[in-house]
Protein backbone atom coordinates (compact mmCIF):
# COMPACT_ATOMS: atom_id res chain seq x y z
CA MET A 1 108.10 81.55 52.43
CA THR A 2 104.42 82.46 52.44
CA ARG A 3 101.70 82.05 54.65
CA ALA A 4 100.46 79.42 52.23
CA ASP A 5 103.86 77.66 51.68
CA LYS A 6 104.12 76.95 55.85
CA VAL A 7 100.39 75.48 55.60
CA ARG A 8 101.16 73.06 52.77
CA ALA A 9 104.35 72.10 54.67
CA ILE A 10 102.44 71.50 57.85
CA VAL A 11 99.58 69.65 55.75
CA LYS A 12 102.47 67.50 54.27
CA GLU A 13 103.93 66.79 57.87
CA VAL A 14 100.61 65.40 59.10
CA SER A 15 99.29 63.51 56.44
CA GLY A 16 102.66 62.06 55.80
CA LYS A 17 102.06 62.82 51.92
CA SER A 18 104.80 64.31 49.67
CA SER A 19 102.44 65.85 47.22
CA LEU A 20 99.22 67.43 47.59
CA PRO A 21 96.31 68.37 45.74
CA GLY A 22 95.52 71.89 44.12
CA ASP A 23 95.26 74.49 46.84
CA ASP A 24 91.42 74.62 46.26
CA ALA A 25 91.14 71.00 46.06
CA SER A 26 89.25 69.33 48.91
CA LEU A 27 92.25 67.75 51.33
CA PHE A 28 89.21 65.27 52.86
CA ASP A 29 87.81 63.83 49.44
CA ALA A 30 91.54 63.30 48.13
CA GLN A 31 91.93 61.32 51.09
CA VAL A 32 95.06 63.79 52.37
CA LEU A 33 93.41 63.98 55.56
CA ASP A 34 90.59 62.51 57.69
CA SER A 35 88.24 63.73 60.79
CA PHE A 36 90.77 62.17 62.84
CA ALA A 37 94.01 64.05 61.11
CA LEU A 38 91.92 67.47 61.74
CA ALA A 39 92.78 67.58 65.53
CA ASP A 40 96.63 67.10 64.85
CA LEU A 41 96.36 69.50 62.00
CA VAL A 42 94.92 72.26 64.42
CA ALA A 43 97.47 71.78 66.67
CA ALA A 44 100.43 71.79 64.29
CA ILE A 45 98.98 75.36 62.84
CA GLU A 46 98.21 76.65 66.47
CA GLY A 47 102.13 75.67 67.23
CA ARG A 48 103.38 77.39 64.48
CA PHE A 49 101.38 80.43 64.08
CA PRO A 50 100.58 82.83 67.03
CA VAL A 51 96.69 81.76 66.64
CA LYS A 52 94.39 79.67 68.70
CA VAL A 53 91.28 78.06 67.29
CA PRO A 54 88.46 78.20 68.83
CA ASP A 55 86.48 74.69 69.73
CA SER A 56 83.46 75.97 67.16
CA ASP A 57 85.39 76.32 63.81
CA LEU A 58 86.76 72.45 64.40
CA ARG A 59 85.11 71.12 61.53
CA PRO A 60 86.01 70.16 58.34
CA ARG A 61 84.83 72.74 56.45
CA VAL A 62 86.88 75.21 57.66
CA PHE A 63 90.26 73.54 57.16
CA GLU A 64 88.87 71.90 53.67
CA SER A 65 91.63 73.02 51.71
CA VAL A 66 94.93 74.92 51.84
CA GLU A 67 92.90 78.29 50.02
CA LYS A 68 90.37 77.91 53.09
CA ILE A 69 93.33 77.03 55.86
CA ASP A 70 94.93 80.05 54.46
CA ALA A 71 91.87 82.24 54.03
CA TYR A 72 91.39 81.39 57.91
CA LEU A 73 94.40 82.29 58.63
CA ALA A 74 94.31 85.87 57.29
CA LYS A 75 91.02 86.46 58.54
CA ARG A 76 92.41 85.59 62.06
CA GLY A 77 95.15 88.57 61.50
CA VAL A 78 98.23 85.62 61.43
């Protein structure tokens, strides 16, 4: 399972959705996530990956899409 596959699974779990838009699509515009779900998403990511997301990164833009989340984790060395 790739990191992106794991990210998709986490987003599905947090959102309760069985399908997601394309990896580059906005999860917020597609109403998969909202600002309230962002904290749950970050908590789930921190629980499954060896990463601590600083408060300064808790912005929807950072976690906009599966692609952006995957890139963020790669940048953090995960």
